[in-house]
C-alpha atoms as a PDB file:
ATOM      1  CA  MET A   1      -6.529  39.629   9.085  1.00  0.00           C
ATOM      2  CA  PRO A   2      -7.232  36.210  10.679  1.00  0.00           C
ATOM      3  CA  SER A   3      -8.431  33.419   8.404  1.00  0.00           C
ATOM      4  CA  PHE A   4      -8.855  29.655   8.116  1.00  0.00           C
ATOM      5  CA  ASP A   5      -9.849  27.110   5.461  1.00  0.00           C
ATOM      6  CA  VAL A   6     -12.740  24.648   5.584  1.00  0.00           C
ATOM      7  CA  VAL A   7     -11.776  21.401   3.826  1.00  0.00           C
ATOM      8  CA  SER A   8     -12.743  17.746   3.710  1.00  0.00           C
ATOM      9  CA  GLU A   9      -9.597  15.639   3.407  1.00  0.00           C
ATOM     10  CA  ILE A  10      -8.553  12.093   4.200  1.00  0.00           C
ATOM     11  CA  ASP A  11      -5.081  10.920   5.103  1.00  0.00           C
ATOM     12  CA  GLU A  12      -4.255   8.632   2.159  1.00  0.00           C
ATOM     13  CA  HIS A  13      -1.596   6.769   4.115  1.00  0.00           C
ATOM     14  CA  GLU A  14      -4.050   5.926   6.897  1.00  0.00           C
ATOM     15  CA  LEU A  15      -6.582   4.788   4.281  1.00  0.00           C
ATOM     16  CA  THR A  16      -3.994   2.408   2.809  1.00  0.00           C
ATOM     17  CA  ASN A  17      -3.103   1.094   6.262  1.00  0.00           C
ATOM     18  CA  ALA A  18      -6.761   0.490   7.139  1.00  0.00           C
ATOM     19  CA  ILE A  19      -7.343  -1.425   3.893  1.00  0.00           C
ATOM     20  CA  ASP A  20      -4.220  -3.538   4.474  1.00  0.00           C
ATOM     21  CA  GLN A  21      -5.316  -4.333   8.034  1.00  0.00           C
ATOM     22  CA  ALA A  22      -8.824  -5.242   6.849  1.00  0.00           C
ATOM     23  CA  ASN A  23      -7.430  -7.580   4.169  1.00  0.00           C
ATOM     24  CA  ARG A  24      -5.122  -9.171   6.732  1.00  0.00           C
ATOM     25  CA  GLU A  25      -8.008  -9.776   9.149  1.00  0.00           C
ATOM     26  CA  ILE A  26     -10.213 -11.147   6.353  1.00  0.00           C
ATOM     27  CA  GLY A  27      -7.429 -13.557   5.372  1.00  0.00           C
ATOM     28  CA  ASN A  28      -7.089 -14.789   8.962  1.00  0.00           C
ATOM     29  CA  ARG A  29     -10.773 -15.175   9.829  1.00  0.00           C
ATOM     30  CA  PHE A  30     -12.174 -18.694   9.861  1.00  0.00           C
ATOM     31  CA  ASP A  31     -15.470 -17.749   8.189  1.00  0.00           C
ATOM     32  CA  PHE A  32     -13.576 -16.410   5.143  1.00  0.00           C
ATOM     33  CA  LYS A  33     -11.286 -19.444   4.663  1.00  0.00           C
ATOM     34  CA  GLY A  34     -11.279 -20.569   1.030  1.00  0.00           C
ATOM     35  CA  SER A  35     -13.265 -17.557  -0.189  1.00  0.00           C
ATOM     36  CA  SER A  36     -12.190 -14.739  -2.476  1.00  0.00           C
ATOM     37  CA  ALA A  37     -13.145 -12.041   0.052  1.00  0.00           C
ATOM     38  CA  ARG A  38     -10.964  -8.924  -0.124  1.00  0.00           C
ATOM     39  CA  VAL A  39     -10.907  -5.135  -0.448  1.00  0.00           C
ATOM     40  CA  ASP A  40      -9.383  -3.709  -3.638  1.00  0.00           C
ATOM     41  CA  ARG A  41      -8.352  -0.079  -3.928  1.00  0.00           C
ATOM     42  CA  ASN A  42      -8.106   2.095  -7.015  1.00  0.00           C
ATOM     43  CA  ALA A  43      -7.258   5.663  -5.938  1.00  0.00           C
ATOM     44  CA  PHE A  44     -10.338   6.780  -3.965  1.00  0.00           C
ATOM     45  CA  GLU A  45     -12.590   3.928  -5.092  1.00  0.00           C
ATOM     46  CA  LEU A  46     -12.744   0.766  -3.024  1.00  0.00           C
ATOM     47  CA  THR A  47     -14.265  -2.502  -4.221  1.00  0.00           C
ATOM     48  CA  LEU A  48     -15.468  -5.004  -1.645  1.00  0.00           C
ATOM     49  CA  ILE A  49     -15.397  -8.498  -3.145  1.00  0.00           C
ATOM     50  CA  ALA A  50     -16.720 -11.742  -1.649  1.00  0.00           C
ATOM     51  CA  ASP A  51     -18.513 -14.962  -2.623  1.00  0.00           C
ATOM     52  CA  ALA A  52     -21.947 -13.940  -1.342  1.00  0.00           C
ATOM     53  CA  GLU A  53     -23.894 -10.829  -0.396  1.00  0.00           C
ATOM     54  CA  PHE A  54     -23.755 -11.498   3.352  1.00  0.00           C
ATOM     55  CA  GLN A  55     -19.953 -11.863   3.142  1.00  0.00           C
ATOM     56  CA  VAL A  56     -19.704  -8.470   1.419  1.00  0.00           C
ATOM     57  CA  LYS A  57     -21.578  -7.003   4.390  1.00  0.00           C
ATOM     58  CA  GLN A  58     -19.107  -8.697   6.755  1.00  0.00           C
ATOM     59  CA  VAL A  59     -16.149  -7.338   4.734  1.00  0.00           C
ATOM     60  CA  ASP A  60     -17.769  -3.887   4.930  1.00  0.00           C
ATOM     61  CA  ASP A  61     -18.095  -4.230   8.710  1.00  0.00           C
ATOM     62  CA  VAL A  62     -14.408  -5.205   9.072  1.00  0.00           C
ATOM     63  CA  LEU A  63     -13.328  -2.318   6.815  1.00  0.00           C
ATOM     64  CA  GLN A  64     -15.406   0.246   8.718  1.00  0.00           C
ATOM     65  CA  LYS A  65     -13.950  -0.885  12.048  1.00  0.00           C
ATOM     66  CA  LYS A  66     -10.401  -0.521  10.692  1.00  0.00           C
ATOM     67  CA  LEU A  67     -11.146   2.910   9.187  1.00  0.00           C
ATOM     68  CA  ALA A  68     -12.631   4.140  12.466  1.00  0.00           C
ATOM     69  CA  ALA A  69      -9.638   2.826  14.414  1.00  0.00           C
ATOM     70  CA  ARG A  70      -7.349   4.754  12.064  1.00  0.00           C
ATOM     71  CA  GLY A  71      -9.225   8.024  12.605  1.00  0.00           C
ATOM     72  CA  ILE A  72     -10.952   8.180   9.211  1.00  0.00           C
ATOM     73  CA  ASP A  73     -14.495   9.525   9.478  1.00  0.00           C
ATOM     74  CA  LEU A  74     -17.023   7.067   8.031  1.00  0.00           C
ATOM     75  CA  GLY A  75     -19.166   9.945   6.787  1.00  0.00           C
ATOM     76  CA  CYS A  76     -16.852  10.318   3.787  1.00  0.00           C
ATOM     77  CA  LEU A  77     -17.775   6.853   2.456  1.00  0.00           C
ATOM     78  CA  GLU A  78     -20.396   6.641  -0.271  1.00  0.00           C
ATOM     79  CA  MET A  79     -21.650   3.071  -0.379  1.00  0.00           C
ATOM     80  CA  GLY A  80     -22.842   1.617  -3.671  1.00  0.00           C
ATOM     81  CA  GLU A  81     -25.211  -1.289  -4.172  1.00  0.00           C
ATOM     82  CA  ILE A  82     -24.118  -4.894  -3.837  1.00  0.00           C
ATOM     83  CA  VAL A  83     -24.032  -6.488  -7.300  1.00  0.00           C
ATOM     84  CA  MET A  84     -23.916 -10.233  -7.925  1.00  0.00           C
ATOM     85  CA  SER A  85     -21.988 -11.314 -11.009  1.00  0.00           C
ATOM     86  CA  GLY A  86     -21.344 -14.992 -11.515  1.00  0.00           C
ATOM     87  CA  LYS A  87     -19.765 -16.404  -8.379  1.00  0.00           C
ATOM     88  CA  GLU A  88     -18.831 -13.036  -6.901  1.00  0.00           C
ATOM     89  CA  ALA A  89     -20.627 -10.258  -5.115  1.00  0.00           C
ATOM     90  CA  ARG A  90     -19.147  -6.766  -5.394  1.00  0.00           C
ATOM     91  CA  GLN A  91     -19.831  -3.441  -3.759  1.00  0.00           C
ATOM     92  CA  LEU A  92     -18.307  -0.177  -4.913  1.00  0.00           C
ATOM     93  CA  VAL A  93     -17.396   2.292  -2.155  1.00  0.00           C
ATOM     94  CA  LYS A  94     -16.346   5.827  -3.076  1.00  0.00           C
ATOM     95  CA  VAL A  95     -14.190   7.781  -0.656  1.00  0.00           C
ATOM     96  CA  ARG A  96     -15.321  11.386  -1.006  1.00  0.00           C
ATOM     97  CA  GLN A  97     -12.723  14.065  -0.598  1.00  0.00           C
ATOM     98  CA  GLY A  98     -12.832  17.798  -1.103  1.00  0.00           C
ATOM     99  CA  VAL A  99     -15.737  20.191  -0.683  1.00  0.00           C
ATOM    100  CA  ASP A 100     -17.829  20.097  -3.868  1.00  0.00           C
ATOM    101  CA  LYS A 101     -19.455  23.256  -5.239  1.00  0.00           C
ATOM    102  CA  ASP A 102     -22.944  22.545  -3.844  1.00  0.00           C
ATOM    103  CA  LEU A 103     -21.663  21.923  -0.331  1.00  0.00           C
ATOM    104  CA  ALA A 104     -19.367  24.970  -0.581  1.00  0.00           C
ATOM    105  CA  ARG A 105     -22.345  27.148  -1.529  1.00  0.00           C
ATOM    106  CA  LYS A 106     -24.319  25.717   1.390  1.00  0.00           C
ATOM    107  CA  ILE A 107     -21.434  26.513   3.778  1.00  0.00           C
ATOM    108  CA  VAL A 108     -21.117  30.080   2.462  1.00  0.00           C
ATOM    109  CA  LYS A 109     -24.895  30.604   2.751  1.00  0.00           C
ATOM    110  CA  LEU A 110     -24.874  29.223   6.305  1.00  0.00           C
ATOM    111  CA  ILE A 111     -22.070  31.614   7.269  1.00  0.00           C
ATOM    112  CA  LYS A 112     -23.775  34.631   5.658  1.00  0.00           C
ATOM    113  CA  ASP A 113     -27.116  33.816   7.303  1.00  0.00           C
ATOM    114  CA  SER A 114     -25.415  33.734  10.712  1.00  0.00           C
ATOM    115  CA  LYS A 115     -24.836  37.520  10.483  1.00  0.00           C
ATOM    116  CA  LEU A 116     -21.275  37.177  11.808  1.00  0.00           C
ATOM    117  CA  LYS A 117     -18.794  39.761  10.593  1.00  0.00           C
ATOM    118  CA  VAL A 118     -16.769  37.387   8.422  1.00  0.00           C
ATOM    119  CA  GLN A 119     -16.352  36.802   4.716  1.00  0.00           C
ATOM    120  CA  ALA A 120     -16.436  33.354   3.112  1.00  0.00           C
ATOM    121  CA  GLN A 121     -15.234  32.597  -0.379  1.00  0.00           C
ATOM    122  CA  ILE A 122     -14.953  29.392  -2.371  1.00  0.00           C
ATOM    123  CA  GLN A 123     -11.437  28.509  -3.522  1.00  0.00           C
ATOM    124  CA  GLY A 124     -11.449  25.293  -5.521  1.00  0.00           C
ATOM    125  CA  GLU A 125     -12.302  22.441  -3.165  1.00  0.00           C
ATOM    126  CA  GLN A 126     -12.142  24.509   0.010  1.00  0.00           C
ATOM    127  CA  VAL A 127     -13.806  27.530   1.577  1.00  0.00           C
ATOM    128  CA  ARG A 128     -11.688  30.354   3.005  1.00  0.00           C
ATOM    129  CA  VAL A 129     -13.196  32.284   5.895  1.00  0.00           C
ATOM    130  CA  THR A 130     -11.681  35.631   6.910  1.00  0.00           C
ATOM    131  CA  GLY A 131     -12.666  38.105   9.602  1.00  0.00           C
ATOM    132  CA  LYS A 132     -11.289  40.871  11.784  1.00  0.00           C
ATOM    133  CA  LYS A 133     -11.706  39.048  15.085  1.00  0.00           C
ATOM    134  CA  ARG A 134     -10.448  35.628  16.052  1.00  0.00           C
ATOM    135  CA  ASP A 135     -13.587  35.084  18.164  1.00  0.00           C
ATOM    136  CA  ASP A 136     -15.829  35.487  15.089  1.00  0.00           C
ATOM    137  CA  LEU A 137     -13.846  32.788  13.275  1.00  0.00           C
ATOM    138  CA  GLN A 138     -14.186  30.464  16.243  1.00  0.00           C
ATOM    139  CA  GLU A 139     -17.950  31.077  16.224  1.00  0.00           C
ATOM    140  CA  VAL A 140     -18.023  30.078  12.535  1.00  0.00           C
ATOM    141  CA  ILE A 141     -16.225  26.817  13.364  1.00  0.00           C
ATOM    142  CA  THR A 142     -18.755  26.143  16.139  1.00  0.00           C
ATOM    143  CA  LEU A 143     -21.607  26.952  13.748  1.00  0.00           C
ATOM    144  CA  LEU A 144     -20.296  24.561  11.076  1.00  0.00           C
ATOM    145  CA  ARG A 145     -19.699  21.780  13.605  1.00  0.00           C
ATOM    146  CA  GLY A 146     -23.295  22.128  14.785  1.00  0.00           C
ATOM    147  CA  ALA A 147     -24.708  22.084  11.239  1.00  0.00           C
ATOM    148  CA  LYS A 148     -25.551  18.644   9.885  1.00  0.00           C
ATOM    149  CA  LEU A 149     -23.563  18.607   6.644  1.00  0.00           C
ATOM    150  CA  GLU A 150     -23.109  15.462   4.570  1.00  0.00           C
ATOM    151  CA  LEU A 151     -19.292  15.470   4.698  1.00  0.00           C
ATOM    152  CA  PRO A 152     -16.942  15.594   7.674  1.00  0.00           C
ATOM    153  CA  LEU A 153     -15.100  18.921   7.684  1.00  0.00           C
ATOM    154  CA  GLN A 154     -11.664  19.942   8.918  1.00  0.00           C
ATOM    155  CA  TYR A 155     -10.519  23.461   9.719  1.00  0.00           C
ATOM    156  CA  ILE A 156      -6.932  24.136   8.678  1.00  0.00           C
ATOM    157  CA  ASN A 157      -4.502  27.030   8.149  1.00  0.00           C
ATOM    158  CA  PHE A 158      -5.826  29.074  11.066  1.00  0.00           C
ATOM    159  CA  ARG A 159      -3.812  32.290  10.844  1.00  0.00           C
ATOM    160  CA  ASP A 160      -3.794  35.445  12.939  1.00  0.00           C
END
């Protein structure tokens, strides 16, 4: 029976490369000379650090350009507020990964409401969709791409 999985994943290696490139560009830019502007990474939490609020926004702009160039969807970023503390401004950015339970339920409900002859079940941080016909599964993928969901989705493990 054909099936596929709906996931939301990010290539960790590409994320590291994008952060390294952003830090390199920030170090080379004239408007950041002598400042403490940088992007720190702790697993899937990024901290944008600079001397002032407007510089944090510039660091964010550089980072987003590098992420987009590396093929990482910007929809997975959850931007925090810019906080001033002493001489530094910081912004926490969470990189969301995995389909959480609420989004998984929304996906399953969307699939069931479509009246296609497929079954969807939640398996941890992914949703498995199975059906008798390959065409029905492709219609589900088209349906999910057309739906405005808060996370970018990937469709993996397509099996016949």
